[in-house]
Amino acid sequence: MKQEKTVFALCLANRGFFPASLMDEAREEIPRILKELGHECILMERDATRNGAIETPEEGRKFAEFLRRNRGKYGGIILSLPNFGDENGAVAALRDADVPIFIQAYPDDLNKMAPALRRDSFCGKFSIMDVFYQNGIRYTALKPHTVAPASERFRENIRFFDAVCRVVNGLRRMTVGAIGARTTAFKTVRIDELALQRHGITMETIDLSDVFARMTNVKQDEAYRAKLQSLDACGSWEDVPSDAKDKLVRLGVVIDQIIEEFQLDALALRCWIEMQKHLGISPCVLLGELNDRGMAAACEVDVGNAVSMHALRLATYSPSMCLDWNNNYGDEDDKCILFHCGPVPKSLMKEPGKIVDHAILANAVGEGHSYGCNVGRIAPGAFTFASMMTAEGRLRFYLGEGEFTTDPIPADFFGCAGVAQIPRLQDVLLHVGRNGYRHHVSAAFGKVVAPLQEALSTYLGFEVAVPQEVHA
């Protein structure tokens, strides 16, 4: 699935006794640099206001009307202060903004501090932040306080803000599918559907009986062949019976149909034990294939972690995965083994995996009745983890960062796993346990805790904890 970078609307704030040339320079410079970073930018017509910027409330209202006309074309607003910038015009322009706002202020040049040349954006940024606070306008302000668009630090700010915008816009009015009812054994993944809805997340439920019935009607047509080819690329199938593989392909086609029918942004699947008893398959490899395509897909009907996976995918531009907090790693306080049966995306694995029978479920359903686990090892690299639960009508997240290491795992360890080194891991685990979170955790490569926290708390109003910071 193609992942689009955020389109920004650029708003220039002015204070009239500063040189007008500053506005024209910013109007040319910022869109050019954004384009270099892969972002499109829309601007109000230059002749709509004096110097193509906003200063007075009337000019601010003109910009607000510009935003209204272009709603849906932009995912974030950059409020740029080439000079001090009038706070009253800025409030009128952005008080009804429906997307995140990043306030950027130009730095002064120490060689240009005479009254005709200086900017005073350093001071003006405080005034706008103050009045935005008074008016309840949510915004993003980053370090350093002033930053030149030509600098690398501005580029870092844009990458941060892009992640914020993608998460905010992606979680607002998202739709998550629950395919199959929560199994009685997993009360740990209970979720409050009304709490989700009140925060703009719709949950659609689909019964497994409908899924199984649809599978019988799948023909070996173009969709079947495309799914077969996609699954073949996930790993080695040499020991998988043709009948089990056929059923996995059919199930994959049906899940794709459901995604399209309900316009799902993420899903969570009841993956055992009916599939093993009645079909002789485990859908792990299908979930990995979905995640590799950009569709966040969690197992064990863990809707909360499906939402977390979607947020991580948006923030990192990377596939995400649902894992178990599973094993200690010897006596290492800051290391553990994160694992699942085999739904890890191929792109996040150290090397192609092998599709096998579910060695653990074989104890319940017998050998040869649960093919579909993609066994291998998670690739090394820095990652962000997250998990979400509902409690008392609220959405609660915890976030953190770590690194998958190259430490060995015994060869007979089943599933797809990695050794995770996580600073203050014991504090994280206590937070997970004491606050009623799941045994699952979502993860994606890249370090994005800061923008993820900004998106979830500042703009979406969710409760967010970063337990690694509690005792830092």
Protein backbone atom coordinates (compact mmCIF):
# COMPACT_ATOMS: atom_id res chain seq x y z
CA MET A 1 0.00 0.00 0.00
CA LYS A 2 1.40 3.39 -0.99
CA GLN A 3 2.15 5.60 2.00
CA GLU A 4 1.70 9.27 1.17
CA LYS A 5 3.68 11.98 2.93
CA THR A 6 1.64 14.74 4.52
CA VAL A 7 0.53 17.69 2.41
CA PHE A 8 0.98 20.91 4.40
CA ALA A 9 -0.85 24.23 4.29
CA LEU A 10 1.59 27.09 4.84
CA CYS A 11 0.45 30.12 6.84
CA LEU A 12 2.80 33.12 7.06
CA ALA A 13 2.33 35.44 10.03
CA ASN A 14 3.41 39.08 9.73
CA ARG A 15 3.80 42.24 11.79
CA GLY A 16 3.62 45.21 9.47
CA PHE A 17 6.57 47.35 10.52
CA PHE A 18 9.04 44.58 9.64
CA PRO A 19 10.43 44.34 6.09
CA ALA A 20 7.91 42.84 3.64
CA SER A 21 10.71 41.06 1.78
CA LEU A 22 10.87 38.55 4.61
CA MET A 23 7.45 37.21 3.62
CA ASP A 24 8.41 36.69 -0.01
CA GLU A 25 11.61 34.91 0.97
CA ALA A 26 9.72 32.50 3.25
CA ARG A 27 6.99 32.00 0.66
CA GLU A 28 9.63 30.75 -1.79
CA GLU A 29 11.98 28.97 0.59
CA ILE A 30 9.69 26.79 2.72
CA PRO A 31 7.68 25.15 -0.10
CA ARG A 32 10.93 24.44 -1.97
CA ILE A 33 12.49 22.70 1.03
CA LEU A 34 9.29 20.79 1.78
CA LYS A 35 9.27 19.53 -1.80
CA GLU A 36 12.86 18.31 -1.36
CA LEU A 37 11.57 16.28 1.59
CA GLY A 38 8.73 14.81 -0.47
CA HIS A 39 5.93 17.05 0.79
CA GLU A 40 3.49 19.08 -1.25
CA CYS A 41 2.46 22.48 0.09
CA ILE A 42 -0.55 24.71 -0.54
CA LEU A 43 -0.52 28.50 -0.01
CA MET A 44 -3.15 31.19 -0.08
CA GLU A 45 -2.87 33.51 -3.09
CA ARG A 46 -0.24 36.20 -2.51
CA ASP A 47 -2.58 39.07 -3.39
CA ALA A 48 -5.31 37.88 -1.02
CA THR A 49 -3.69 39.84 1.83
CA ARG A 50 -0.92 42.36 2.27
CA ASN A 51 2.37 40.64 1.41
CA GLY A 52 0.59 37.28 1.12
CA ALA A 53 0.64 36.86 4.92
CA ILE A 54 -1.76 37.35 7.84
CA GLU A 55 -1.57 40.14 10.39
CA THR A 56 -5.03 41.44 11.18
CA PRO A 57 -8.08 39.40 12.27
CA GLU A 58 -9.65 40.18 8.91
CA GLU A 59 -6.65 38.70 7.09
CA GLY A 60 -6.81 35.75 9.46
CA ARG A 61 -10.44 35.14 8.53
CA LYS A 62 -9.42 35.13 4.86
CA PHE A 63 -6.92 32.40 5.59
CA ALA A 64 -9.53 30.46 7.57
CA GLU A 65 -11.78 30.61 4.50
CA PHE A 66 -8.85 29.40 2.36
CA LEU A 67 -8.50 26.39 4.67
CA ARG A 68 -12.23 25.73 4.54
CA ARG A 69 -12.22 25.69 0.73
CA ASN A 70 -9.28 23.29 0.69
CA ARG A 71 -10.32 20.99 3.53
CA GLY A 72 -9.25 17.44 2.78
CA LYS A 73 -6.29 18.55 0.66
CA TYR A 74 -3.88 19.07 3.57
CA GLY A 75 -3.00 17.06 6.67
CA GLY A 76 -1.15 19.66 8.72
CA ILE A 77 -0.51 23.40 8.93
CA ILE A 78 2.86 25.09 9.25
CA LEU A 79 2.50 28.50 10.88
CA SER A 80 5.72 30.25 9.90
CA LEU A 81 6.97 33.42 11.58
CA PRO A 82 9.45 35.16 9.26
CA ASN A 83 9.17 38.04 11.75
CA PHE A 84 7.37 38.61 15.08
CA GLY A 85 3.97 37.62 13.64
CA ASP A 86 0.72 39.06 14.92
CA GLU A 87 -1.05 36.71 17.34
CA ASN A 88 -4.55 38.10 16.70
CA GLY A 89 -4.42 37.31 13.00
CA ALA A 90 -2.99 33.87 13.73
CA VAL A 91 -5.84 33.04 16.11
CA ALA A 92 -8.46 34.14 13.60
CA ALA A 93 -6.76 32.05 10.91
CA LEU A 94 -6.33 28.83 12.85
CA ARG A 95 -8.83 28.68 15.71
CA ASP A 96 -10.96 26.19 13.72
CA ALA A 97 -8.11 24.22 12.17
CA ASP A 98 -8.97 20.55 12.01
CA VAL A 99 -5.39 19.28 11.73
CA PRO A 100 -2.12 19.60 13.70
CA ILE A 101 -0.33 22.97 13.63
CA PHE A 102 3.46 23.38 13.76
CA ILE A 103 4.73 26.81 14.83
CA GLN A 104 8.10 27.62 13.21
CA ALA A 105 10.01 30.84 13.88
CA TYR A 106 12.90 32.16 11.80
CA PRO A 107 16.14 32.92 13.70
CA ASP A 108 17.73 36.34 13.67
CA ASP A 109 21.13 36.84 12.08
CA LEU A 110 23.50 38.49 14.58
CA ASN A 111 24.85 40.59 11.72
CA LYS A 112 21.37 41.90 10.89
CA MET A 113 20.00 43.32 14.13
CA ALA A 114 19.29 46.91 13.07
CA PRO A 115 15.59 47.93 13.22
CA ALA A 116 15.21 47.64 9.46
CA LEU A 117 16.59 44.08 9.35
CA ARG A 118 15.83 42.21 12.56
CA ARG A 119 13.00 39.67 12.79
CA ASP A 120 12.19 39.26 16.53
CA SER A 121 10.49 35.92 15.74
CA PHE A 122 12.09 34.54 18.91
CA CYS A 123 9.86 36.82 20.99
CA GLY A 124 6.86 36.67 18.68
CA LYS A 125 6.64 32.89 18.94
CA PHE A 126 5.99 33.21 22.68
CA SER A 127 3.12 35.61 22.02
CA ILE A 128 1.43 33.25 19.57
CA MET A 129 1.94 30.22 21.84
CA ASP A 130 0.51 32.21 24.76
CA VAL A 131 -2.62 33.33 22.92
CA PHE A 132 -3.12 29.88 21.36
CA TYR A 133 -3.01 28.47 24.89
CA GLN A 134 -5.60 31.04 26.01
CA ASN A 135 -7.88 30.05 23.12
CA GLY A 136 -7.43 26.30 23.54
CA ILE A 137 -5.77 25.91 20.12
CA ARG A 138 -3.64 22.79 20.07
CA TYR A 139 -0.25 23.13 18.41
CA THR A 140 3.21 21.60 18.12
CA ALA A 141 6.34 23.53 19.09
CA LEU A 142 9.74 21.87 18.78
CA LYS A 143 13.38 22.50 19.61
CA PRO A 144 15.15 24.73 18.81
CA HIS A 145 12.89 27.68 19.57
CA THR A 146 13.91 29.32 16.29
CA VAL A 147 15.04 27.31 13.29
CA ALA A 148 16.11 28.21 9.76
CA PRO A 149 14.27 26.25 7.05
CA ALA A 150 17.59 25.65 5.27
CA SER A 151 18.98 23.80 8.32
CA GLU A 152 19.05 20.08 9.03
CA ARG A 153 17.24 20.73 12.31
CA PHE A 154 14.26 22.09 10.39
CA ARG A 155 14.23 18.90 8.33
CA GLU A 156 14.20 16.91 11.57
CA ASN A 157 11.27 19.05 12.77
CA ILE A 158 9.37 18.31 9.57
CA ARG A 159 9.99 14.57 9.86
CA PHE A 160 8.66 14.75 13.44
CA PHE A 161 5.62 16.80 12.43
CA ASP A 162 4.89 14.55 9.45
CA ALA A 163 4.70 11.57 11.83
CA VAL A 164 2.37 13.54 14.13
CA CYS A 165 0.06 14.44 11.27
CA ARG A 166 -0.02 10.92 9.84
CA VAL A 167 -0.93 9.40 13.21
CA VAL A 168 -3.56 12.03 14.06
CA ASN A 169 -5.25 11.89 10.66
CA GLY A 170 -4.91 8.11 10.45
CA LEU A 171 -6.50 7.38 13.82
CA ARG A 172 -9.30 9.90 13.48
CA ARG A 173 -12.27 8.05 12.06
CA MET A 174 -10.32 4.87 11.47
CA THR A 175 -12.13 1.55 11.09
CA VAL A 176 -10.80 -1.59 12.73
CA GLY A 177 -12.20 -5.04 12.02
CA ALA A 178 -12.68 -7.79 14.59
CA ILE A 179 -12.87 -11.00 12.57
CA GLY A 180 -14.24 -13.61 14.93
CA ALA A 181 -15.32 -13.24 18.55
CA ARG A 182 -12.82 -12.93 21.36
CA THR A 183 -12.02 -16.41 22.57
CA THR A 184 -12.99 -17.09 26.19
CA ALA A 185 -9.40 -17.96 27.07
CA PHE A 186 -8.21 -14.45 26.19
CA LYS A 187 -10.03 -12.08 28.53
CA THR A 188 -6.76 -10.13 28.38
CA VAL A 189 -7.80 -8.62 25.03
CA ARG A 190 -11.20 -7.28 26.09
CA ILE A 191 -11.99 -3.91 24.53
CA ASP A 192 -14.69 -1.28 25.04
CA GLU A 193 -16.27 -0.72 21.64
CA LEU A 194 -18.18 2.37 22.78
CA ALA A 195 -14.99 3.96 24.12
CA LEU A 196 -13.39 3.42 20.73
CA GLN A 197 -16.36 4.97 18.95
CA ARG A 198 -16.42 8.02 21.19
CA HIS A 199 -12.83 8.63 20.16
CA GLY A 200 -13.61 8.30 16.46
CA ILE A 201 -12.61 4.65 15.97
CA THR A 202 -15.29 2.41 14.48
CA MET A 203 -15.11 -1.32 15.16
CA GLU A 204 -16.73 -3.66 12.64
CA THR A 205 -17.32 -7.29 13.65
CA ILE A 206 -17.40 -10.25 11.28
CA ASP A 207 -18.29 -13.79 12.34
CA LEU A 208 -15.94 -16.68 11.55
CA SER A 209 -18.87 -18.72 10.23
CA ASP A 210 -19.26 -16.16 7.45
CA VAL A 211 -15.53 -16.31 6.73
CA PHE A 212 -15.56 -20.11 6.47
CA ALA A 213 -18.62 -20.02 4.20
CA ARG A 214 -17.01 -17.47 1.90
CA MET A 215 -13.90 -19.63 1.60
CA THR A 216 -15.86 -22.41 -0.08
CA ASN A 217 -16.94 -19.98 -2.81
CA VAL A 218 -13.46 -18.73 -3.68
CA LYS A 219 -12.54 -19.64 -7.23
CA GLN A 220 -9.03 -20.16 -8.55
CA ASP A 221 -9.21 -16.87 -10.43
CA GLU A 222 -6.91 -13.86 -10.67
CA ALA A 223 -7.36 -12.93 -7.00
CA TYR A 224 -6.54 -16.50 -5.93
CA ARG A 225 -3.42 -16.60 -8.11
CA ALA A 226 -2.23 -13.21 -6.87
CA LYS A 227 -2.65 -14.30 -3.25
CA LEU A 228 -0.83 -17.56 -3.95
CA GLN A 229 2.09 -15.65 -5.44
CA SER A 230 2.18 -13.22 -2.52
CA LEU A 231 2.19 -16.02 0.05
CA ASP A 232 4.87 -17.95 -1.85
CA ALA A 233 7.15 -14.95 -1.35
CA CYS A 234 6.71 -15.04 2.44
CA GLY A 235 8.95 -18.04 3.07
CA SER A 236 9.60 -21.69 2.33
CA TRP A 237 6.50 -23.91 1.89
CA GLU A 238 8.27 -27.19 1.15
CA ASP A 239 6.70 -29.18 3.99
CA VAL A 240 3.17 -27.73 3.77
CA PRO A 241 0.48 -30.03 2.30
CA SER A 242 -1.23 -28.64 -0.80
CA ASP A 243 -4.65 -28.82 0.85
CA ALA A 244 -3.52 -26.64 3.79
CA LYS A 245 -1.88 -24.17 1.43
CA ASP A 246 -5.04 -23.96 -0.67
CA LYS A 247 -7.09 -23.15 2.43
CA LEU A 248 -4.63 -20.44 3.48
CA VAL A 249 -4.87 -18.87 0.04
CA ARG A 250 -8.66 -18.98 0.17
CA LEU A 251 -8.68 -17.45 3.63
CA GLY A 252 -6.36 -14.71 2.39
CA VAL A 253 -8.68 -13.90 -0.51
CA VAL A 254 -11.67 -13.69 1.85
CA ILE A 255 -9.85 -11.42 4.30
CA ASP A 256 -8.93 -9.12 1.42
CA GLN A 257 -12.60 -9.04 0.42
CA ILE A 258 -13.59 -8.11 3.98
CA ILE A 259 -10.97 -5.35 4.12
CA GLU A 260 -12.39 -3.88 0.93
CA GLU A 261 -16.03 -4.35 1.90
CA PHE A 262 -15.72 -2.68 5.29
CA GLN A 263 -12.94 -0.26 4.27
CA LEU A 264 -10.78 -1.43 7.15
CA ASP A 265 -7.66 0.42 8.27
CA ALA A 266 -6.62 -2.40 10.63
CA LEU A 267 -7.93 -5.76 11.80
CA ALA A 268 -7.65 -8.34 14.53
CA LEU A 269 -8.34 -12.01 13.78
CA ARG A 270 -9.54 -14.92 15.91
CA CYS A 271 -6.73 -17.25 14.96
CA TRP A 272 -7.41 -20.30 17.10
CA ILE A 273 -8.74 -22.86 17.74
CA GLU A 274 -11.58 -23.19 15.20
CA MET A 275 -9.25 -22.73 12.23
CA GLN A 276 -7.09 -25.58 13.40
CA LYS A 277 -10.02 -27.87 14.26
CA HIS A 278 -12.09 -27.30 11.13
CA LEU A 279 -9.60 -26.18 8.50
CA GLY A 280 -6.26 -27.58 9.63
CA ILE A 281 -4.50 -24.23 9.29
CA SER A 282 -3.08 -21.34 11.32
CA PRO A 283 -3.40 -17.88 9.72
CA CYS A 284 -0.07 -16.49 11.01
CA VAL A 285 1.62 -16.15 7.62
CA LEU A 286 -1.45 -14.33 6.28
CA LEU A 287 -1.19 -11.74 9.05
CA GLY A 288 2.48 -11.22 8.24
CA GLU A 289 1.64 -10.77 4.57
CA LEU A 290 -1.05 -8.20 5.44
CA ASN A 291 1.34 -6.25 7.65
CA ASP A 292 3.97 -6.21 4.92
CA ARG A 293 1.37 -4.62 2.63
CA GLY A 294 0.64 -1.89 5.17
CA MET A 295 -2.55 -3.33 6.69
CA ALA A 296 -2.06 -3.56 10.45
CA ALA A 297 -3.23 -7.06 11.40
CA ALA A 298 -3.15 -8.45 14.94
CA CYS A 299 -3.85 -11.97 16.10
CA GLU A 300 -6.04 -13.28 18.95
CA VAL A 301 -8.68 -10.58 18.28
CA ASP A 302 -6.48 -7.99 20.00
CA VAL A 303 -8.22 -4.89 18.65
CA GLY A 304 -6.29 -2.61 21.00
CA ASN A 305 -2.98 -3.68 19.57
CA ALA A 306 -4.36 -3.52 16.03
CA VAL A 307 -4.94 0.20 16.68
CA SER A 308 -1.44 0.54 18.16
CA MET A 309 0.07 -1.25 15.15
CA HIS A 310 -1.75 1.12 12.82
CA ALA A 311 -0.37 4.12 14.73
CA LEU A 312 3.17 2.72 14.60
CA ARG A 313 2.89 2.00 10.89
CA LEU A 314 1.78 5.55 10.24
CA ALA A 315 4.56 7.07 12.34
CA THR A 316 7.39 4.94 10.95
CA TYR A 317 6.38 4.26 7.32
CA SER A 318 7.25 0.67 8.30
CA PRO A 319 5.25 -2.52 8.75
CA SER A 320 4.35 -3.30 12.34
CA MET A 321 3.99 -6.54 14.27
CA CYS A 322 2.07 -7.89 17.24
CA LEU A 323 4.31 -9.78 19.69
CA ASP A 324 4.12 -11.43 23.10
CA TRP A 325 6.07 -10.24 26.11
CA ASN A 326 7.26 -13.82 26.27
CA ASN A 327 10.52 -14.78 27.96
CA ASN A 328 13.28 -13.48 30.18
CA TYR A 329 16.76 -13.56 28.64
CA GLY A 330 18.82 -15.20 31.32
CA ASP A 331 19.60 -12.77 34.13
CA GLU A 332 19.68 -9.70 31.88
CA ASP A 333 17.37 -7.08 33.45
CA ASP A 334 17.10 -5.02 30.28
CA LYS A 335 16.65 -7.88 27.82
CA CYS A 336 13.75 -10.18 27.02
CA ILE A 337 12.48 -12.32 24.17
CA LEU A 338 9.60 -10.89 22.15
CA PHE A 339 7.82 -13.58 20.16
CA HIS A 340 4.80 -14.75 18.30
CA CYS A 341 3.84 -17.93 16.50
CA GLY A 342 4.70 -16.60 13.07
CA PRO A 343 2.79 -13.47 11.96
CA VAL A 344 5.92 -11.27 11.68
CA PRO A 345 6.17 -9.49 8.30
CA LYS A 346 8.84 -10.94 6.03
CA SER A 347 10.50 -7.51 5.72
CA LEU A 348 11.10 -7.44 9.48
CA MET A 349 12.67 -10.91 9.61
CA LYS A 350 16.40 -11.57 9.55
CA GLU A 351 15.97 -13.95 6.61
CA PRO A 352 13.05 -15.71 4.90
CA GLY A 353 11.16 -17.97 7.27
CA LYS A 354 9.71 -21.44 6.94
CA ILE A 355 5.98 -22.17 6.95
CA VAL A 356 5.31 -24.98 9.42
CA ASP A 357 2.72 -26.72 11.56
CA HIS A 358 1.95 -25.00 14.88
CA ALA A 359 4.16 -26.94 17.28
CA ILE A 360 2.39 -25.67 20.41
CA LEU A 361 -1.22 -26.07 19.24
CA ALA A 362 -0.33 -29.58 18.07
CA ASN A 363 -0.64 -30.54 21.73
CA ALA A 364 -4.36 -29.67 21.52
CA VAL A 365 -5.38 -30.52 17.95
CA GLY A 366 -2.74 -33.04 16.94
CA GLU A 367 0.10 -32.78 14.49
CA GLY A 368 -0.65 -31.69 10.95
CA HIS A 369 -3.74 -29.65 11.80
CA SER A 370 -2.33 -26.12 12.08
CA TYR A 371 -0.07 -25.27 9.15
CA GLY A 372 0.66 -21.58 8.61
CA CYS A 373 3.24 -20.37 11.15
CA ASN A 374 6.13 -18.51 9.55
CA VAL A 375 9.08 -19.49 11.74
CA GLY A 376 12.27 -17.42 11.80
CA ARG A 377 14.00 -14.58 13.65
CA ILE A 378 13.26 -10.88 13.89
CA ALA A 379 15.95 -8.73 12.26
CA PRO A 380 18.19 -6.59 14.49
CA GLY A 381 17.52 -2.87 14.70
CA ALA A 382 16.05 -0.02 16.74
CA PHE A 383 12.29 -0.18 17.29
CA THR A 384 9.38 1.57 18.98
CA PHE A 385 6.80 -0.37 20.96
CA ALA A 386 3.26 0.53 21.96
CA SER A 387 0.07 -0.96 23.31
CA MET A 388 -3.48 0.32 23.88
CA MET A 389 -6.29 -0.61 26.21
CA THR A 390 -9.65 0.90 27.12
CA ALA A 391 -10.57 1.69 30.72
CA GLU A 392 -13.43 3.77 32.12
CA GLY A 393 -14.28 5.09 28.68
CA ARG A 394 -10.72 6.23 27.97
CA LEU A 395 -8.06 5.04 25.53
CA ARG A 396 -4.78 4.42 27.32
CA PHE A 397 -1.42 3.80 25.67
CA TYR A 398 2.09 3.09 26.83
CA LEU A 399 5.07 3.69 24.56
CA GLY A 400 8.78 2.98 24.56
CA GLU A 401 11.88 2.29 22.51
CA GLY A 402 14.41 -0.49 22.35
CA GLU A 403 16.61 -2.48 20.03
CA PHE A 404 16.45 -5.99 18.65
CA THR A 405 19.93 -7.41 19.16
CA THR A 406 21.97 -10.16 17.52
CA ASP A 407 21.96 -12.22 20.73
CA PRO A 408 21.32 -15.90 20.04
CA ILE A 409 18.08 -17.75 20.76
CA PRO A 410 18.14 -21.57 21.07
CA ALA A 411 17.59 -23.29 17.74
CA ASP A 412 14.61 -25.26 19.04
CA PHE A 413 12.71 -22.08 20.06
CA PHE A 414 9.40 -22.18 18.16
CA GLY A 415 7.91 -19.26 16.23
CA CYS A 416 9.40 -15.92 15.19
CA ALA A 417 11.27 -14.15 17.95
CA GLY A 418 13.94 -11.60 18.73
CA VAL A 419 16.00 -10.58 21.74
CA ALA A 420 14.91 -7.07 22.70
CA GLN A 421 17.15 -4.77 24.72
CA ILE A 422 14.94 -2.15 26.36
CA PRO A 423 16.25 0.49 28.78
CA ARG A 424 14.47 0.24 32.15
CA LEU A 425 12.70 -2.89 30.98
CA GLN A 426 11.75 -3.88 34.52
CA ASP A 427 9.94 -0.55 35.00
CA VAL A 428 8.13 -1.11 31.70
CA LEU A 429 7.03 -4.60 32.73
CA LEU A 430 5.77 -3.38 36.11
CA HIS A 431 3.77 -0.66 34.34
CA VAL A 432 2.27 -3.21 31.93
CA GLY A 433 1.25 -5.56 34.70
CA ARG A 434 0.04 -3.07 37.29
CA ASN A 435 -2.09 -1.14 34.83
CA GLY A 436 -3.91 -4.08 33.26
CA TYR A 437 -2.32 -4.04 29.80
CA ARG A 438 -2.23 -7.02 27.46
CA HIS A 439 0.42 -9.71 27.20
CA HIS A 440 0.83 -8.41 23.64
CA VAL A 441 2.90 -5.45 22.50
CA SER A 442 3.05 -3.80 19.08
CA ALA A 443 6.41 -2.94 17.51
CA ALA A 444 7.83 -1.28 14.39
CA PHE A 445 11.36 -0.40 13.35
CA GLY A 446 12.41 3.22 13.98
CA LYS A 447 12.41 5.50 17.01
CA VAL A 448 9.21 7.56 17.07
CA VAL A 449 8.08 7.75 20.70
CA ALA A 450 8.21 11.56 20.79
CA PRO A 451 5.99 12.27 17.74
CA LEU A 452 3.71 9.37 18.64
CA GLN A 453 3.21 10.76 22.13
CA GLU A 454 2.58 14.23 20.69
CA ALA A 455 -0.07 12.90 18.30
CA LEU A 456 -1.86 10.66 20.78
CA SER A 457 -1.93 13.05 23.74
CA THR A 458 -1.81 16.63 22.40
CA TYR A 459 -4.21 16.19 19.48
CA LEU A 460 -6.23 13.03 20.12
CA GLY A 461 -6.57 13.45 23.87
CA PHE A 462 -5.60 9.88 24.78
CA GLU A 463 -3.82 8.96 28.00
CA VAL A 464 -0.18 8.17 27.21
CA ALA A 465 2.56 6.85 29.49
CA VAL A 466 6.25 6.34 28.73
CA PRO A 467 7.33 4.14 31.66
CA GLN A 468 11.01 4.33 30.66
CA GLU A 469 10.91 8.03 31.63
CA VAL A 470 9.15 7.67 34.99
CA HIS A 471 12.32 7.03 36.97
CA ALA A 472 14.81 8.61 34.57
